[in-house]
Amino acid sequence: MMTDITHILGKPFRPGGRGPGSYDCVGVAVEVVRIEVGDEAADTMPGGEMTTIEPEDFPGEWRAIGVIPGEASPGDVVLTERTNTNGDTEHHLYVATSIGRFATSDRKRGVIVVPLRAIQEHVVGVYRWERSR
């Protein structure tokens, strides 16, 4: 079963975009997490108004989990790392919408869903929200 994100597919990319008219990668992750896990988890998503995100930005409720991205469950967040044309490292978020499918916001295409093979070699970590005890 795939998370229903038809209401945001194709919406344009905008840095800091949290919807409803535009989204960045954090905004897409927040939207899917809200659908799959709930408001409490979505409200603890890292990013805020940041336009970049680092592994250490994930708060305590978000745990790095020892699963390969292909086994990520809907609502799990995947952090990738690539080197841009300037030689700088950039991190980007994807969120699992089903096994092997991930949503994000692309600068040129807006909100999209991509297969695992599109991101697999760039994955830094997979994160899952766990309610604080």
N, C-alpha and C. Protein backbone atom coordinates (compact mmCIF):
# COMPACT_ATOMS: atom_id res chain seq x y z
N MET A 1 0.84 -1.18 0.00
CA MET A 1 0.00 0.00 0.00
C MET A 1 0.89 1.24 0.00
N MET A 2 0.56 2.20 -0.82
CA MET A 2 1.34 3.44 -0.92
C MET A 2 0.60 4.58 -0.23
N THR A 3 1.35 5.41 0.46
CA THR A 3 0.77 6.59 1.09
C THR A 3 0.15 7.46 0.01
N ASP A 4 -1.09 7.91 0.23
CA ASP A 4 -1.76 8.76 -0.75
C ASP A 4 -1.28 10.20 -0.61
N ILE A 5 -0.43 10.61 -1.56
CA ILE A 5 0.06 11.99 -1.56
C ILE A 5 -0.32 12.69 -2.85
N THR A 6 -1.39 12.22 -3.48
CA THR A 6 -1.80 12.84 -4.75
C THR A 6 -2.10 14.33 -4.58
N HIS A 7 -2.48 14.75 -3.38
CA HIS A 7 -2.79 16.17 -3.15
C HIS A 7 -1.56 17.07 -3.18
N ILE A 8 -0.35 16.49 -3.12
CA ILE A 8 0.87 17.31 -3.19
C ILE A 8 1.75 16.97 -4.38
N LEU A 9 1.51 15.86 -5.07
CA LEU A 9 2.34 15.49 -6.22
C LEU A 9 2.34 16.61 -7.26
N GLY A 10 3.52 16.96 -7.73
CA GLY A 10 3.65 18.00 -8.75
C GLY A 10 3.66 19.42 -8.22
N LYS A 11 3.39 19.61 -6.92
CA LYS A 11 3.47 20.97 -6.37
C LYS A 11 4.91 21.46 -6.51
N PRO A 12 5.10 22.74 -6.75
CA PRO A 12 6.45 23.25 -7.01
C PRO A 12 7.36 23.22 -5.79
N PHE A 13 8.66 23.16 -6.07
CA PHE A 13 9.70 23.26 -5.05
C PHE A 13 9.87 24.72 -4.66
N ARG A 14 10.05 24.94 -3.36
CA ARG A 14 10.45 26.25 -2.85
C ARG A 14 11.26 26.01 -1.59
N PRO A 15 12.48 26.58 -1.48
CA PRO A 15 13.26 26.41 -0.25
C PRO A 15 12.43 26.87 0.96
N GLY A 16 12.36 26.03 1.98
CA GLY A 16 11.56 26.34 3.16
C GLY A 16 10.08 26.08 2.98
N GLY A 17 9.67 25.56 1.82
CA GLY A 17 8.25 25.34 1.53
C GLY A 17 7.66 24.23 2.38
N ARG A 18 6.61 24.56 3.11
CA ARG A 18 5.93 23.58 3.98
C ARG A 18 4.48 23.40 3.57
N GLY A 19 4.13 23.80 2.34
CA GLY A 19 2.77 23.62 1.84
C GLY A 19 1.87 24.76 2.23
N PRO A 20 0.67 24.80 1.76
CA PRO A 20 0.12 23.83 0.82
C PRO A 20 0.47 24.12 -0.64
N GLY A 21 1.02 25.29 -0.94
CA GLY A 21 1.26 25.63 -2.34
C GLY A 21 2.59 25.18 -2.89
N SER A 22 3.59 24.99 -2.03
CA SER A 22 4.92 24.58 -2.47
C SER A 22 5.61 23.84 -1.32
N TYR A 23 6.61 23.05 -1.68
CA TYR A 23 7.30 22.21 -0.70
C TYR A 23 8.77 22.11 -1.01
N ASP A 24 9.58 21.96 0.06
CA ASP A 24 10.94 21.49 -0.10
C ASP A 24 10.97 20.06 0.43
N CYS A 25 12.15 19.44 0.49
CA CYS A 25 12.20 18.04 0.90
C CYS A 25 11.72 17.83 2.34
N VAL A 26 11.99 18.77 3.22
CA VAL A 26 11.51 18.65 4.60
C VAL A 26 9.99 18.76 4.64
N GLY A 27 9.44 19.69 3.86
CA GLY A 27 7.98 19.85 3.81
C GLY A 27 7.27 18.60 3.35
N VAL A 28 7.83 17.92 2.35
CA VAL A 28 7.25 16.66 1.87
C VAL A 28 7.34 15.61 2.97
N ALA A 29 8.50 15.51 3.62
CA ALA A 29 8.65 14.53 4.69
C ALA A 29 7.65 14.78 5.82
N VAL A 30 7.49 16.04 6.21
CA VAL A 30 6.52 16.37 7.26
C VAL A 30 5.12 15.95 6.85
N GLU A 31 4.74 16.20 5.61
CA GLU A 31 3.40 15.85 5.13
C GLU A 31 3.17 14.34 5.18
N VAL A 32 4.13 13.56 4.70
CA VAL A 32 3.97 12.10 4.70
C VAL A 32 4.01 11.55 6.12
N VAL A 33 4.91 12.07 6.95
CA VAL A 33 4.97 11.62 8.35
C VAL A 33 3.65 11.93 9.05
N ARG A 34 3.08 13.09 8.79
CA ARG A 34 1.78 13.45 9.40
C ARG A 34 0.71 12.43 9.00
N ILE A 35 0.69 12.01 7.74
CA ILE A 35 -0.29 11.04 7.26
C ILE A 35 -0.04 9.66 7.86
N GLU A 36 1.21 9.21 7.85
CA GLU A 36 1.55 7.84 8.24
C GLU A 36 1.73 7.63 9.74
N VAL A 37 2.29 8.63 10.42
CA VAL A 37 2.66 8.45 11.83
C VAL A 37 1.83 9.32 12.76
N GLY A 38 1.49 10.53 12.31
CA GLY A 38 0.65 11.41 13.12
C GLY A 38 1.27 12.77 13.36
N ASP A 39 0.45 13.66 13.91
CA ASP A 39 0.86 15.05 14.13
C ASP A 39 2.05 15.17 15.08
N GLU A 40 2.06 14.38 16.15
CA GLU A 40 3.13 14.49 17.13
C GLU A 40 4.49 14.23 16.48
N ALA A 41 4.57 13.21 15.65
CA ALA A 41 5.82 12.89 14.96
C ALA A 41 6.17 14.00 13.96
N ALA A 42 5.19 14.45 13.20
CA ALA A 42 5.44 15.49 12.19
C ALA A 42 5.93 16.77 12.85
N ASP A 43 5.40 17.08 14.02
CA ASP A 43 5.78 18.31 14.71
C ASP A 43 7.21 18.27 15.25
N THR A 44 7.81 17.06 15.33
CA THR A 44 9.19 16.94 15.82
C THR A 44 10.19 16.76 14.69
N MET A 45 9.73 16.86 13.45
CA MET A 45 10.63 16.71 12.31
C MET A 45 11.73 17.76 12.35
N PRO A 46 12.95 17.35 12.01
CA PRO A 46 14.02 18.35 11.93
C PRO A 46 13.80 19.25 10.73
N GLY A 47 14.41 20.40 10.76
CA GLY A 47 14.35 21.26 9.59
C GLY A 47 13.84 22.65 9.87
N GLY A 48 12.64 22.75 10.44
CA GLY A 48 12.06 24.06 10.68
C GLY A 48 12.12 24.90 9.43
N GLU A 49 12.73 26.07 9.52
CA GLU A 49 12.89 26.92 8.35
C GLU A 49 14.25 26.73 7.68
N MET A 50 15.00 25.70 8.13
CA MET A 50 16.31 25.45 7.55
C MET A 50 16.17 25.01 6.11
N THR A 51 17.14 25.33 5.30
CA THR A 51 17.13 24.85 3.92
C THR A 51 18.14 23.73 3.72
N THR A 52 18.92 23.40 4.75
CA THR A 52 19.81 22.24 4.72
C THR A 52 19.58 21.44 5.98
N ILE A 53 19.94 20.17 5.94
CA ILE A 53 19.75 19.31 7.10
C ILE A 53 20.94 18.38 7.22
N GLU A 54 21.36 18.12 8.43
CA GLU A 54 22.51 17.27 8.72
C GLU A 54 22.03 16.10 9.59
N PRO A 55 22.78 15.00 9.63
CA PRO A 55 22.36 13.86 10.46
C PRO A 55 22.12 14.23 11.92
N GLU A 56 22.92 15.15 12.46
CA GLU A 56 22.77 15.52 13.88
C GLU A 56 21.55 16.39 14.14
N ASP A 57 20.83 16.82 13.08
CA ASP A 57 19.64 17.65 13.25
C ASP A 57 18.41 16.86 13.68
N PHE A 58 18.47 15.52 13.63
CA PHE A 58 17.32 14.72 14.01
C PHE A 58 17.19 14.71 15.53
N PRO A 59 16.03 15.18 16.06
CA PRO A 59 15.85 15.23 17.51
C PRO A 59 15.73 13.83 18.10
N GLY A 60 15.72 13.76 19.42
CA GLY A 60 15.74 12.50 20.16
C GLY A 60 14.69 11.49 19.78
N GLU A 61 13.49 11.93 19.38
CA GLU A 61 12.43 10.98 19.04
C GLU A 61 12.70 10.28 17.71
N TRP A 62 13.57 10.84 16.90
CA TRP A 62 13.91 10.25 15.60
C TRP A 62 15.18 9.43 15.76
N ARG A 63 15.05 8.12 15.58
CA ARG A 63 16.16 7.21 15.80
C ARG A 63 16.68 6.68 14.46
N ALA A 64 18.01 6.63 14.33
CA ALA A 64 18.59 5.95 13.17
C ALA A 64 18.28 4.48 13.35
N ILE A 65 17.74 3.86 12.33
CA ILE A 65 17.36 2.45 12.44
C ILE A 65 18.23 1.62 11.50
N GLY A 66 18.48 0.42 11.90
CA GLY A 66 19.37 -0.45 11.14
C GLY A 66 18.66 -1.22 10.04
N VAL A 67 17.95 -0.53 9.19
CA VAL A 67 17.33 -1.19 8.05
C VAL A 67 17.91 -0.61 6.78
N ILE A 68 17.92 -1.41 5.75
CA ILE A 68 18.34 -0.89 4.46
C ILE A 68 17.17 -0.10 3.89
N PRO A 69 17.43 0.90 3.08
CA PRO A 69 16.35 1.75 2.57
C PRO A 69 15.21 0.98 1.90
N GLY A 70 15.53 -0.14 1.26
CA GLY A 70 14.50 -0.93 0.59
C GLY A 70 13.51 -1.57 1.56
N GLU A 71 13.84 -1.58 2.85
CA GLU A 71 12.95 -2.12 3.87
C GLU A 71 12.30 -1.03 4.71
N ALA A 72 12.52 0.22 4.34
CA ALA A 72 11.92 1.34 5.08
C ALA A 72 10.40 1.26 4.97
N SER A 73 9.73 1.55 6.07
CA SER A 73 8.27 1.55 6.11
C SER A 73 7.74 2.94 5.80
N PRO A 74 6.50 3.05 5.30
CA PRO A 74 5.92 4.37 5.07
C PRO A 74 6.04 5.26 6.31
N GLY A 75 6.56 6.46 6.10
CA GLY A 75 6.79 7.39 7.20
C GLY A 75 8.23 7.42 7.68
N ASP A 76 9.04 6.42 7.31
CA ASP A 76 10.46 6.46 7.64
C ASP A 76 11.14 7.50 6.75
N VAL A 77 12.09 8.21 7.32
CA VAL A 77 12.77 9.29 6.62
C VAL A 77 14.18 8.84 6.25
N VAL A 78 14.56 9.09 5.00
CA VAL A 78 15.87 8.70 4.49
C VAL A 78 16.68 9.96 4.19
N LEU A 79 17.89 10.01 4.73
CA LEU A 79 18.79 11.13 4.50
C LEU A 79 19.85 10.70 3.48
N THR A 80 20.02 11.51 2.44
CA THR A 80 21.05 11.22 1.44
C THR A 80 22.11 12.31 1.45
N GLU A 81 23.24 11.98 0.85
CA GLU A 81 24.36 12.92 0.78
C GLU A 81 24.97 12.83 -0.61
N ARG A 82 25.17 13.99 -1.22
CA ARG A 82 25.81 14.07 -2.54
C ARG A 82 26.75 15.26 -2.55
N THR A 83 27.68 15.22 -3.47
CA THR A 83 28.58 16.34 -3.67
C THR A 83 28.06 17.14 -4.86
N ASN A 84 27.85 18.45 -4.65
CA ASN A 84 27.33 19.28 -5.74
C ASN A 84 28.45 19.70 -6.69
N THR A 85 28.10 20.45 -7.71
CA THR A 85 29.08 20.85 -8.73
C THR A 85 30.18 21.76 -8.19
N ASN A 86 29.92 22.39 -7.04
CA ASN A 86 30.94 23.23 -6.40
C ASN A 86 31.87 22.43 -5.49
N GLY A 87 31.59 21.13 -5.36
CA GLY A 87 32.40 20.29 -4.48
C GLY A 87 31.92 20.27 -3.05
N ASP A 88 30.77 20.92 -2.78
CA ASP A 88 30.22 20.95 -1.42
C ASP A 88 29.30 19.77 -1.19
N THR A 89 29.24 19.29 0.04
CA THR A 89 28.35 18.19 0.40
C THR A 89 26.96 18.74 0.67
N GLU A 90 25.95 18.11 0.08
CA GLU A 90 24.56 18.49 0.30
C GLU A 90 23.78 17.28 0.82
N HIS A 91 22.94 17.51 1.81
CA HIS A 91 22.05 16.48 2.32
C HIS A 91 20.64 16.75 1.80
N HIS A 92 19.90 15.67 1.60
CA HIS A 92 18.54 15.78 1.07
C HIS A 92 17.68 14.72 1.73
N LEU A 93 16.42 15.05 2.01
CA LEU A 93 15.49 14.10 2.64
C LEU A 93 14.55 13.47 1.62
N TYR A 94 14.29 12.20 1.84
CA TYR A 94 13.26 11.44 1.14
C TYR A 94 12.44 10.78 2.23
N VAL A 95 11.20 10.45 1.94
CA VAL A 95 10.36 9.77 2.92
C VAL A 95 9.69 8.60 2.24
N ALA A 96 9.72 7.45 2.90
CA ALA A 96 9.13 6.25 2.32
C ALA A 96 7.61 6.40 2.23
N THR A 97 7.09 6.09 1.05
CA THR A 97 5.64 6.10 0.84
C THR A 97 5.11 4.68 0.69
N SER A 98 6.00 3.76 0.40
CA SER A 98 5.72 2.32 0.34
C SER A 98 7.08 1.65 0.29
N ILE A 99 7.10 0.33 0.33
CA ILE A 99 8.38 -0.36 0.27
C ILE A 99 9.03 -0.06 -1.10
N GLY A 100 10.23 0.54 -1.05
CA GLY A 100 10.98 0.82 -2.26
C GLY A 100 10.59 2.08 -3.02
N ARG A 101 9.70 2.91 -2.47
CA ARG A 101 9.27 4.16 -3.14
C ARG A 101 9.41 5.31 -2.13
N PHE A 102 9.93 6.45 -2.62
CA PHE A 102 10.26 7.56 -1.73
C PHE A 102 9.82 8.89 -2.34
N ALA A 103 9.21 9.74 -1.52
CA ALA A 103 8.76 11.06 -1.96
C ALA A 103 9.77 12.11 -1.54
N THR A 104 9.86 13.16 -2.35
CA THR A 104 10.72 14.30 -2.06
C THR A 104 10.25 15.47 -2.90
N SER A 105 10.94 16.59 -2.78
CA SER A 105 10.68 17.72 -3.67
C SER A 105 11.96 18.03 -4.42
N ASP A 106 11.84 18.06 -5.72
CA ASP A 106 12.96 18.28 -6.62
C ASP A 106 12.90 19.72 -7.14
N ARG A 107 14.02 20.39 -7.23
CA ARG A 107 14.06 21.79 -7.67
C ARG A 107 13.39 22.00 -9.02
N LYS A 108 13.53 21.05 -9.95
CA LYS A 108 12.96 21.22 -11.29
C LYS A 108 11.58 20.61 -11.44
N ARG A 109 11.32 19.49 -10.77
CA ARG A 109 10.07 18.76 -10.98
C ARG A 109 9.05 18.92 -9.87
N GLY A 110 9.44 19.56 -8.77
CA GLY A 110 8.51 19.69 -7.64
C GLY A 110 8.39 18.38 -6.89
N VAL A 111 7.23 18.14 -6.29
CA VAL A 111 7.02 16.94 -5.48
C VAL A 111 6.89 15.72 -6.40
N ILE A 112 7.75 14.74 -6.12
CA ILE A 112 7.81 13.53 -6.93
C ILE A 112 7.95 12.30 -6.04
N VAL A 113 7.73 11.13 -6.62
CA VAL A 113 8.02 9.86 -5.96
C VAL A 113 9.04 9.14 -6.84
N VAL A 114 10.11 8.65 -6.21
CA VAL A 114 11.18 7.99 -6.95
C VAL A 114 11.38 6.57 -6.42
N PRO A 115 11.92 5.69 -7.27
CA PRO A 115 12.23 4.34 -6.80
C PRO A 115 13.53 4.33 -6.00
N LEU A 116 13.72 3.29 -5.23
CA LEU A 116 14.92 3.13 -4.41
C LEU A 116 16.20 3.29 -5.24
N ARG A 117 16.24 2.74 -6.43
CA ARG A 117 17.47 2.77 -7.23
C ARG A 117 17.95 4.20 -7.50
N ALA A 118 17.05 5.18 -7.45
CA ALA A 118 17.42 6.57 -7.70
C ALA A 118 18.21 7.19 -6.56
N ILE A 119 18.11 6.61 -5.36
CA ILE A 119 18.77 7.22 -4.19
C ILE A 119 19.71 6.27 -3.46
N GLN A 120 19.63 5.00 -3.74
CA GLN A 120 20.29 3.95 -2.97
C GLN A 120 21.76 4.21 -2.66
N GLU A 121 22.54 4.64 -3.65
CA GLU A 121 23.98 4.79 -3.43
C GLU A 121 24.34 6.04 -2.64
N HIS A 122 23.36 6.90 -2.35
CA HIS A 122 23.62 8.15 -1.64
C HIS A 122 23.09 8.16 -0.20
N VAL A 123 22.50 7.05 0.25
CA VAL A 123 21.86 7.02 1.56
C VAL A 123 22.90 7.08 2.68
N VAL A 124 22.63 8.00 3.63
CA VAL A 124 23.47 8.16 4.81
C VAL A 124 22.81 7.47 6.01
N GLY A 125 21.49 7.54 6.10
CA GLY A 125 20.79 6.94 7.22
C GLY A 125 19.30 6.88 6.99
N VAL A 126 18.66 5.98 7.73
CA VAL A 126 17.21 5.84 7.72
C VAL A 126 16.75 6.11 9.15
N TYR A 127 15.73 6.96 9.30
CA TYR A 127 15.27 7.39 10.62
C TYR A 127 13.80 7.06 10.80
N ARG A 128 13.47 6.64 12.02
CA ARG A 128 12.08 6.32 12.37
C ARG A 128 11.74 7.03 13.67
N TRP A 129 10.53 7.58 13.71
CA TRP A 129 10.06 8.27 14.92
C TRP A 129 9.63 7.25 15.96
N GLU A 130 10.06 7.47 17.20
CA GLU A 130 9.66 6.63 18.32
C GLU A 130 9.19 7.55 19.43
N ARG A 131 7.97 7.33 19.90
CA ARG A 131 7.42 8.15 20.97
C ARG A 131 8.34 8.12 22.20
N SER A 132 8.59 9.28 22.76
CA SER A 132 9.40 9.36 23.98
C SER A 132 8.69 8.66 25.12
N ARG A 133 9.45 8.05 25.94
CA ARG A 133 8.86 7.33 27.09
C ARG A 133 8.91 8.19 28.32
